[in-house]
Amino acid sequence: GILFEIATDGPGFTADEPLETLGESLALPPFLEARR
């Protein structure tokens, strides 16, 4: 019953933010952006 996941290495966290400012603001994937 333990939950396992297999996940791809990419595209990664720079898909929507520059490396330099990762984590500084709330990031939402495109399908949630309209509900920001």
PDB file of all heavy atoms in Angstrom:
ATOM      1  N   GLY A   1       0.774  -1.233   0.000  1.00  0.00           N
ATOM      2  CA  GLY A   1       0.000   0.000   0.000  1.00  0.00           C
ATOM      3  C   GLY A   1       0.804   1.280   0.000  1.00  0.00           C
ATOM      4  O   GLY A   1       0.231   2.372   0.060  1.00  0.00           O
ATOM      5  N   ILE A   2       2.129   1.202  -0.076  1.00  0.00           N
ATOM      6  CA  ILE A   2       2.961   2.406  -0.069  1.00  0.00           C
ATOM      7  C   ILE A   2       2.939   3.024  -1.464  1.00  0.00           C
ATOM      8  O   ILE A   2       3.107   2.326  -2.469  1.00  0.00           O
ATOM      9  CB  ILE A   2       4.395   2.073   0.376  1.00  0.00           C
ATOM     10  CG1 ILE A   2       4.368   1.532   1.819  1.00  0.00           C
ATOM     11  CG2 ILE A   2       5.301   3.296   0.279  1.00  0.00           C
ATOM     12  CD1 ILE A   2       5.662   0.899   2.272  1.00  0.00           C
ATOM     13  N   LEU A   3       2.728   4.347  -1.517  1.00  0.00           N
ATOM     14  CA  LEU A   3       2.583   5.039  -2.793  1.00  0.00           C
ATOM     15  C   LEU A   3       3.953   5.311  -3.413  1.00  0.00           C
ATOM     16  O   LEU A   3       4.798   5.974  -2.814  1.00  0.00           O
ATOM     17  CB  LEU A   3       1.825   6.348  -2.605  1.00  0.00           C
ATOM     18  CG  LEU A   3       1.477   7.126  -3.879  1.00  0.00           C
ATOM     19  CD1 LEU A   3       0.614   6.298  -4.838  1.00  0.00           C
ATOM     20  CD2 LEU A   3       0.767   8.437  -3.523  1.00  0.00           C
ATOM     21  N   PHE A   4       4.150   4.789  -4.604  1.00  0.00           N
ATOM     22  CA  PHE A   4       5.356   5.009  -5.403  1.00  0.00           C
ATOM     23  C   PHE A   4       4.990   5.890  -6.599  1.00  0.00           C
ATOM     24  O   PHE A   4       3.865   5.857  -7.093  1.00  0.00           O
ATOM     25  CB  PHE A   4       5.916   3.690  -5.946  1.00  0.00           C
ATOM     26  CG  PHE A   4       6.651   2.837  -4.938  1.00  0.00           C
ATOM     27  CD1 PHE A   4       7.120   1.580  -5.320  1.00  0.00           C
ATOM     28  CD2 PHE A   4       6.895   3.263  -3.641  1.00  0.00           C
ATOM     29  CE1 PHE A   4       7.818   0.777  -4.435  1.00  0.00           C
ATOM     30  CE2 PHE A   4       7.591   2.465  -2.736  1.00  0.00           C
ATOM     31  CZ  PHE A   4       8.045   1.215  -3.144  1.00  0.00           C
ATOM     32  N   GLU A   5       5.957   6.642  -7.059  1.00  0.00           N
ATOM     33  CA  GLU A   5       5.816   7.480  -8.249  1.00  0.00           C
ATOM     34  C   GLU A   5       7.060   7.282  -9.103  1.00  0.00           C
ATOM     35  O   GLU A   5       8.161   7.097  -8.576  1.00  0.00           O
ATOM     36  CB  GLU A   5       5.683   8.949  -7.832  1.00  0.00           C
ATOM     37  CG  GLU A   5       5.657   9.953  -8.981  1.00  0.00           C
ATOM     38  CD  GLU A   5       5.633  11.406  -8.488  1.00  0.00           C
ATOM     39  OE1 GLU A   5       5.496  11.630  -7.268  1.00  0.00           O
ATOM     40  OE2 GLU A   5       5.760  12.314  -9.328  1.00  0.00           O
ATOM     41  N   ILE A   6       6.890   7.306 -10.396  1.00  0.00           N
ATOM     42  CA  ILE A   6       8.021   7.407 -11.324  1.00  0.00           C
ATOM     43  C   ILE A   6       7.883   8.762 -12.002  1.00  0.00           C
ATOM     44  O   ILE A   6       6.803   9.102 -12.502  1.00  0.00           O
ATOM     45  CB  ILE A   6       8.032   6.259 -12.345  1.00  0.00           C
ATOM     46  CG1 ILE A   6       8.141   4.905 -11.622  1.00  0.00           C
ATOM     47  CG2 ILE A   6       9.194   6.418 -13.322  1.00  0.00           C
ATOM     48  CD1 ILE A   6       8.021   3.699 -12.537  1.00  0.00           C
ATOM     49  N   ALA A   7       8.937   9.581 -11.976  1.00  0.00           N
ATOM     50  CA  ALA A   7       8.865  10.951 -12.478  1.00  0.00           C
ATOM     51  C   ALA A   7      10.032  11.232 -13.410  1.00  0.00           C
ATOM     52  O   ALA A   7      11.150  10.747 -13.212  1.00  0.00           O
ATOM     53  CB  ALA A   7       8.882  11.940 -11.309  1.00  0.00           C
ATOM     54  N   THR A   8       9.768  12.045 -14.421  1.00  0.00           N
ATOM     55  CA  THR A   8      10.806  12.397 -15.382  1.00  0.00           C
ATOM     56  C   THR A   8      11.740  13.467 -14.815  1.00  0.00           C
ATOM     57  O   THR A   8      11.340  14.302 -14.002  1.00  0.00           O
ATOM     58  CB  THR A   8      10.193  12.931 -16.687  1.00  0.00           C
ATOM     59  OG1 THR A   8       9.379  14.078 -16.379  1.00  0.00           O
ATOM     60  CG2 THR A   8       9.330  11.881 -17.362  1.00  0.00           C
ATOM     61  N   ASP A   9      12.974  13.463 -15.276  1.00  0.00           N
ATOM     62  CA  ASP A   9      13.945  14.460 -14.820  1.00  0.00           C
ATOM     63  C   ASP A   9      13.585  15.872 -15.296  1.00  0.00           C
ATOM     64  O   ASP A   9      13.930  16.854 -14.640  1.00  0.00           O
ATOM     65  CB  ASP A   9      15.349  14.109 -15.314  1.00  0.00           C
ATOM     66  CG  ASP A   9      16.008  13.035 -14.468  1.00  0.00           C
ATOM     67  OD1 ASP A   9      15.436  12.650 -13.428  1.00  0.00           O
ATOM     68  OD2 ASP A   9      17.106  12.572 -14.846  1.00  0.00           O
ATOM     69  N   GLY A  10      12.930  15.985 -16.429  1.00  0.00           N
ATOM     70  CA  GLY A  10      12.618  17.306 -16.970  1.00  0.00           C
ATOM     71  C   GLY A  10      11.121  17.500 -17.124  1.00  0.00           C
ATOM     72  O   GLY A  10      10.344  16.577 -16.910  1.00  0.00           O
ATOM     73  N   PRO A  11      10.731  18.719 -17.493  1.00  0.00           N
ATOM     74  CA  PRO A  11      11.566  19.874 -17.850  1.00  0.00           C
ATOM     75  C   PRO A  11      12.220  20.599 -16.688  1.00  0.00           C
ATOM     76  O   PRO A  11      13.120  21.393 -16.877  1.00  0.00           O
ATOM     77  CB  PRO A  11      10.591  20.793 -18.581  1.00  0.00           C
ATOM     78  CG  PRO A  11       9.247  20.438 -18.034  1.00  0.00           C
ATOM     79  CD  PRO A  11       9.292  18.975 -17.735  1.00  0.00           C
ATOM     80  N   GLY A  12      11.766  20.374 -15.450  1.00  0.00           N
ATOM     81  CA  GLY A  12      12.422  20.977 -14.306  1.00  0.00           C
ATOM     82  C   GLY A  12      11.784  22.276 -13.851  1.00  0.00           C
ATOM     83  O   GLY A  12      10.849  22.802 -14.458  1.00  0.00           O
ATOM     84  N   PHE A  13      12.329  22.823 -12.757  1.00  0.00           N
ATOM     85  CA  PHE A  13      11.711  23.969 -12.091  1.00  0.00           C
ATOM     86  C   PHE A  13      11.977  25.300 -12.769  1.00  0.00           C
ATOM     87  O   PHE A  13      11.369  26.314 -12.416  1.00  0.00           O
ATOM     88  CB  PHE A  13      12.155  24.016 -10.629  1.00  0.00           C
ATOM     89  CG  PHE A  13      11.652  22.835  -9.846  1.00  0.00           C
ATOM     90  CD1 PHE A  13      12.538  21.945  -9.259  1.00  0.00           C
ATOM     91  CD2 PHE A  13      10.300  22.596  -9.707  1.00  0.00           C
ATOM     92  CE1 PHE A  13      12.077  20.848  -8.545  1.00  0.00           C
ATOM     93  CE2 PHE A  13       9.825  21.507  -8.998  1.00  0.00           C
ATOM     94  CZ  PHE A  13      10.725  20.621  -8.418  1.00  0.00           C
ATOM     95  N   THR A  14      12.871  25.327 -13.744  1.00  0.00           N
ATOM     96  CA  THR A  14      13.082  26.572 -14.485  1.00  0.00           C
ATOM     97  C   THR A  14      12.119  26.686 -15.671  1.00  0.00           C
ATOM     98  O   THR A  14      12.251  27.597 -16.484  1.00  0.00           O
ATOM     99  CB  THR A  14      14.531  26.666 -14.990  1.00  0.00           C
ATOM    100  OG1 THR A  14      14.834  25.502 -15.759  1.00  0.00           O
ATOM    101  CG2 THR A  14      15.522  26.769 -13.831  1.00  0.00           C
ATOM    102  N   ALA A  15      11.132  25.802 -15.739  1.00  0.00           N
ATOM    103  CA  ALA A  15      10.144  25.876 -16.819  1.00  0.00           C
ATOM    104  C   ALA A  15       9.355  27.178 -16.777  1.00  0.00           C
ATOM    105  O   ALA A  15       8.875  27.657 -17.807  1.00  0.00           O
ATOM    106  CB  ALA A  15       9.196  24.680 -16.747  1.00  0.00           C
ATOM    107  N   ASP A  16       9.196  27.755 -15.572  1.00  0.00           N
ATOM    108  CA  ASP A  16       8.387  28.981 -15.468  1.00  0.00           C
ATOM    109  C   ASP A  16       9.046  30.073 -14.636  1.00  0.00           C
ATOM    110  O   ASP A  16       8.439  31.121 -14.404  1.00  0.00           O
ATOM    111  CB  ASP A  16       7.004  28.659 -14.889  1.00  0.00           C
ATOM    112  CG  ASP A  16       7.078  28.008 -13.515  1.00  0.00           C
ATOM    113  OD1 ASP A  16       8.194  27.734 -13.035  1.00  0.00           O
ATOM    114  OD2 ASP A  16       6.007  27.759 -12.921  1.00  0.00           O
ATOM    115  N   GLU A  17      10.276  29.846 -14.171  1.00  0.00           N
ATOM    116  CA  GLU A  17      10.993  30.859 -13.384  1.00  0.00           C
ATOM    117  C   GLU A  17      12.481  30.779 -13.708  1.00  0.00           C
ATOM    118  O   GLU A  17      12.997  29.679 -13.932  1.00  0.00           O
ATOM    119  CB  GLU A  17      10.838  30.604 -11.881  1.00  0.00           C
ATOM    120  CG  GLU A  17       9.458  30.760 -11.307  1.00  0.00           C
ATOM    121  CD  GLU A  17       9.469  30.502  -9.799  1.00  0.00           C
ATOM    122  OE1 GLU A  17       9.745  29.369  -9.379  1.00  0.00           O
ATOM    123  OE2 GLU A  17       9.214  31.457  -9.047  1.00  0.00           O
ATOM    124  N   PRO A  18      13.188  31.905 -13.692  1.00  0.00           N
ATOM    125  CA  PRO A  18      14.640  31.839 -13.863  1.00  0.00           C
ATOM    126  C   PRO A  18      15.286  31.141 -12.669  1.00  0.00           C
ATOM    127  O   PRO A  18      14.782  31.232 -11.542  1.00  0.00           O
ATOM    128  CB  PRO A  18      15.070  33.308 -13.922  1.00  0.00           C
ATOM    129  CG  PRO A  18      13.824  34.110 -14.051  1.00  0.00           C
ATOM    130  CD  PRO A  18      12.704  33.280 -13.523  1.00  0.00           C
ATOM    131  N   LEU A  19      16.397  30.468 -12.912  1.00  0.00           N
ATOM    132  CA  LEU A  19      17.121  29.776 -11.843  1.00  0.00           C
ATOM    133  C   LEU A  19      17.421  30.723 -10.680  1.00  0.00           C
ATOM    134  O   LEU A  19      17.323  30.346  -9.507  1.00  0.00           O
ATOM    135  CB  LEU A  19      18.423  29.186 -12.401  1.00  0.00           C
ATOM    136  CG  LEU A  19      19.295  28.412 -11.409  1.00  0.00           C
ATOM    137  CD1 LEU A  19      18.594  27.167 -10.905  1.00  0.00           C
ATOM    138  CD2 LEU A  19      20.641  28.039 -12.051  1.00  0.00           C
ATOM    139  N   GLU A  20      17.763  31.962 -11.004  1.00  0.00           N
ATOM    140  CA  GLU A  20      18.208  32.915  -9.984  1.00  0.00           C
ATOM    141  C   GLU A  20      17.112  33.260  -8.974  1.00  0.00           C
ATOM    142  O   GLU A  20      17.404  33.610  -7.829  1.00  0.00           O
ATOM    143  CB  GLU A  20      18.693  34.223 -10.636  1.00  0.00           C
ATOM    144  CG  GLU A  20      19.914  34.083 -11.524  1.00  0.00           C
ATOM    145  CD  GLU A  20      19.597  33.368 -12.845  1.00  0.00           C
ATOM    146  OE1 GLU A  20      18.444  33.456 -13.327  1.00  0.00           O
ATOM    147  OE2 GLU A  20      20.517  32.704 -13.377  1.00  0.00           O
ATOM    148  N   THR A  21      15.840  33.188  -9.380  1.00  0.00           N
ATOM    149  CA  THR A  21      14.750  33.630  -8.498  1.00  0.00           C
ATOM    150  C   THR A  21      13.774  32.505  -8.158  1.00  0.00           C
ATOM    151  O   THR A  21      12.635  32.770  -7.753  1.00  0.00           O
ATOM    152  CB  THR A  21      13.982  34.803  -9.136  1.00  0.00           C
ATOM    153  OG1 THR A  21      13.484  34.405 -10.425  1.00  0.00           O
ATOM    154  CG2 THR A  21      14.876  36.026  -9.296  1.00  0.00           C
ATOM    155  N   LEU A  22      14.214  31.263  -8.283  1.00  0.00           N
ATOM    156  CA  LEU A  22      13.332  30.142  -7.949  1.00  0.00           C
ATOM    157  C   LEU A  22      12.790  30.285  -6.526  1.00  0.00           C
ATOM    158  O   LEU A  22      13.514  30.641  -5.599  1.00  0.00           O
ATOM    159  CB  LEU A  22      14.088  28.821  -8.051  1.00  0.00           C
ATOM    160  CG  LEU A  22      14.441  28.308  -9.450  1.00  0.00           C
ATOM    161  CD1 LEU A  22      15.209  26.992  -9.342  1.00  0.00           C
ATOM    162  CD2 LEU A  22      13.205  28.119 -10.305  1.00  0.00           C
ATOM    163  N   GLY A  23      11.509  30.003  -6.368  1.00  0.00           N
ATOM    164  CA  GLY A  23      10.913  29.947  -5.044  1.00  0.00           C
ATOM    165  C   GLY A  23      10.562  31.263  -4.405  1.00  0.00           C
ATOM    166  O   GLY A  23      10.039  31.296  -3.286  1.00  0.00           O
ATOM    167  N   GLU A  24      10.810  32.372  -5.091  1.00  0.00           N
ATOM    168  CA  GLU A  24      10.577  33.682  -4.464  1.00  0.00           C
ATOM    169  C   GLU A  24       9.123  34.137  -4.550  1.00  0.00           C
ATOM    170  O   GLU A  24       8.689  34.975  -3.764  1.00  0.00           O
ATOM    171  CB  GLU A  24      11.513  34.730  -5.072  1.00  0.00           C
ATOM    172  CG  GLU A  24      12.980  34.475  -4.730  1.00  0.00           C
ATOM    173  CD  GLU A  24      13.913  35.523  -5.302  1.00  0.00           C
ATOM    174  OE1 GLU A  24      13.414  36.550  -5.839  1.00  0.00           O
ATOM    175  OE2 GLU A  24      15.140  35.321  -5.229  1.00  0.00           O
ATOM    176  N   SER A  25       8.369  33.623  -5.515  1.00  0.00           N
ATOM    177  CA  SER A  25       6.952  33.987  -5.623  1.00  0.00           C
ATOM    178  C   SER A  25       6.135  32.727  -5.872  1.00  0.00           C
ATOM    179  O   SER A  25       6.686  31.668  -6.182  1.00  0.00           O
ATOM    180  CB  SER A  25       6.742  34.997  -6.754  1.00  0.00           C
ATOM    181  OG  SER A  25       7.198  34.456  -7.977  1.00  0.00           O
ATOM    182  N   LEU A  26       4.818  32.842  -5.710  1.00  0.00           N
ATOM    183  CA  LEU A  26       3.960  31.680  -5.903  1.00  0.00           C
ATOM    184  C   LEU A  26       3.920  31.310  -7.381  1.00  0.00           C
ATOM    185  O   LEU A  26       3.517  32.117  -8.218  1.00  0.00           O
ATOM    186  CB  LEU A  26       2.548  31.969  -5.399  1.00  0.00           C
ATOM    187  CG  LEU A  26       1.571  30.789  -5.497  1.00  0.00           C
ATOM    188  CD1 LEU A  26       1.930  29.695  -4.494  1.00  0.00           C
ATOM    189  CD2 LEU A  26       0.135  31.254  -5.273  1.00  0.00           C
ATOM    190  N   ALA A  27       4.335  30.097  -7.702  1.00  0.00           N
ATOM    191  CA  ALA A  27       4.324  29.610  -9.080  1.00  0.00           C
ATOM    192  C   ALA A  27       3.116  28.692  -9.263  1.00  0.00           C
ATOM    193  O   ALA A  27       2.850  27.836  -8.423  1.00  0.00           O
ATOM    194  CB  ALA A  27       5.620  28.858  -9.385  1.00  0.00           C
ATOM    195  N   LEU A  28       2.404  28.892 -10.357  1.00  0.00           N
ATOM    196  CA  LEU A  28       1.266  28.041 -10.679  1.00  0.00           C
ATOM    197  C   LEU A  28       1.432  27.503 -12.088  1.00  0.00           C
ATOM    198  O   LEU A  28       1.820  28.243 -12.998  1.00  0.00           O
ATOM    199  CB  LEU A  28      -0.041  28.835 -10.591  1.00  0.00           C
ATOM    200  CG  LEU A  28      -0.440  29.356  -9.203  1.00  0.00           C
ATOM    201  CD1 LEU A  28      -1.686  30.222  -9.307  1.00  0.00           C
ATOM    202  CD2 LEU A  28      -0.650  28.210  -8.227  1.00  0.00           C
ATOM    203  N   PRO A  29       1.144  26.227 -12.299  1.00  0.00           N
ATOM    204  CA  PRO A  29       1.188  25.707 -13.662  1.00  0.00           C
ATOM    205  C   PRO A  29       0.130  26.399 -14.519  1.00  0.00           C
ATOM    206  O   PRO A  29      -0.851  26.949 -13.982  1.00  0.00           O
ATOM    207  CB  PRO A  29       0.898  24.216 -13.491  1.00  0.00           C
ATOM    208  CG  PRO A  29       0.215  24.107 -12.175  1.00  0.00           C
ATOM    209  CD  PRO A  29       0.725  25.207 -11.327  1.00  0.00           C
ATOM    210  N   PRO A  30       0.293  26.410 -15.838  1.00  0.00           N
ATOM    211  CA  PRO A  30      -0.627  27.166 -16.706  1.00  0.00           C
ATOM    212  C   PRO A  30      -2.106  26.853 -16.491  1.00  0.00           C
ATOM    213  O   PRO A  30      -2.942  27.754 -16.548  1.00  0.00           O
ATOM    214  CB  PRO A  30      -0.170  26.774 -18.112  1.00  0.00           C
ATOM    215  CG  PRO A  30       1.276  26.425 -17.961  1.00  0.00           C
ATOM    216  CD  PRO A  30       1.396  25.790 -16.602  1.00  0.00           C
ATOM    217  N   PHE A  31      -2.434  25.591 -16.190  1.00  0.00           N
ATOM    218  CA  PHE A  31      -3.850  25.245 -16.064  1.00  0.00           C
ATOM    219  C   PHE A  31      -4.474  25.779 -14.771  1.00  0.00           C
ATOM    220  O   PHE A  31      -5.691  25.721 -14.605  1.00  0.00           O
ATOM    221  CB  PHE A  31      -4.061  23.729 -16.190  1.00  0.00           C
ATOM    222  CG  PHE A  31      -3.324  22.890 -15.178  1.00  0.00           C
ATOM    223  CD1 PHE A  31      -3.887  22.603 -13.954  1.00  0.00           C
ATOM    224  CD2 PHE A  31      -2.057  22.383 -15.473  1.00  0.00           C
ATOM    225  CE1 PHE A  31      -3.211  21.829 -13.033  1.00  0.00           C
ATOM    226  CE2 PHE A  31      -1.374  21.605 -14.551  1.00  0.00           C
ATOM    227  CZ  PHE A  31      -1.954  21.318 -13.324  1.00  0.00           C
ATOM    228  N   LEU A  32      -3.656  26.301 -13.841  1.00  0.00           N
ATOM    229  CA  LEU A  32      -4.192  26.912 -12.624  1.00  0.00           C
ATOM    230  C   LEU A  32      -4.068  28.442 -12.631  1.00  0.00           C
ATOM    231  O   LEU A  32      -4.601  29.112 -11.749  1.00  0.00           O
ATOM    232  CB  LEU A  32      -3.465  26.366 -11.382  1.00  0.00           C
ATOM    233  CG  LEU A  32      -3.724  24.903 -11.023  1.00  0.00           C
ATOM    234  CD1 LEU A  32      -2.887  24.507  -9.812  1.00  0.00           C
ATOM    235  CD2 LEU A  32      -5.202  24.644 -10.745  1.00  0.00           C
ATOM    236  N   GLU A  33      -3.387  28.998 -13.621  1.00  0.00           N
ATOM    237  CA  GLU A  33      -3.074  30.432 -13.613  1.00  0.00           C
ATOM    238  C   GLU A  33      -4.334  31.296 -13.587  1.00  0.00           C
ATOM    239  O   GLU A  33      -4.380  32.337 -12.918  1.00  0.00           O
ATOM    240  CB  GLU A  33      -2.203  30.781 -14.825  1.00  0.00           C
ATOM    241  CG  GLU A  33      -1.598  32.166 -14.777  1.00  0.00           C
ATOM    242  CD  GLU A  33      -0.710  32.398 -13.554  1.00  0.00           C
ATOM    243  OE1 GLU A  33       0.199  31.598 -13.306  1.00  0.00           O
ATOM    244  OE2 GLU A  33      -0.964  33.398 -12.842  1.00  0.00           O
ATOM    245  N   ALA A  34      -5.386  30.884 -14.271  1.00  0.00           N
ATOM    246  CA  ALA A  34      -6.611  31.684 -14.307  1.00  0.00           C
ATOM    247  C   ALA A  34      -7.267  31.795 -12.934  1.00  0.00           C
ATOM    248  O   ALA A  34      -8.054  32.707 -12.683  1.00  0.00           O
ATOM    249  CB  ALA A  34      -7.599  31.084 -15.302  1.00  0.00           C
ATOM    250  N   ARG A  35      -6.915  30.884 -12.023  1.00  0.00           N
ATOM    251  CA  ARG A  35      -7.502  30.884 -10.673  1.00  0.00           C
ATOM    252  C   ARG A  35      -6.553  31.499  -9.650  1.00  0.00           C
ATOM    253  O   ARG A  35      -6.767  31.365  -8.442  1.00  0.00           O
ATOM    254  CB  ARG A  35      -7.847  29.452 -10.269  1.00  0.00           C
ATOM    255  CG  ARG A  35      -8.943  28.817 -11.122  1.00  0.00           C
ATOM    256  CD  ARG A  35      -9.055  27.320 -10.863  1.00  0.00           C
ATOM    257  NE  ARG A  35      -9.191  27.017  -9.434  1.00  0.00           N
ATOM    258  CZ  ARG A  35      -8.952  25.812  -8.921  1.00  0.00           C
ATOM    259  NH1 ARG A  35      -8.574  24.816  -9.709  1.00  0.00           N
ATOM    260  NH2 ARG A  35      -9.091  25.602  -7.624  1.00  0.00           N
ATOM    261  N   ARG A  36      -5.505  32.193 -10.106  1.00  0.00           N
ATOM    262  CA  ARG A  36      -4.465  32.680  -9.192  1.00  0.00           C
ATOM    263  C   ARG A  36      -5.045  33.511  -8.037  1.00  0.00           C
ATOM    264  O   ARG A  36      -4.688  33.300  -6.876  1.00  0.00           O
ATOM    265  CB  ARG A  36      -3.416  33.499  -9.948  1.00  0.00           C
ATOM    266  CG  ARG A  36      -2.365  34.140  -9.032  1.00  0.00           C
ATOM    267  CD  ARG A  36      -1.275  34.855  -9.811  1.00  0.00           C
ATOM    268  NE  ARG A  36      -0.362  33.915 -10.453  1.00  0.00           N
ATOM    269  CZ  ARG A  36       0.706  33.375  -9.840  1.00  0.00           C
ATOM    270  NH1 ARG A  36       0.978  33.675  -8.571  1.00  0.00           N
ATOM    271  NH2 ARG A  36       1.495  32.566 -10.489  1.00  0.00           N
TER     272      ARG A  36
END
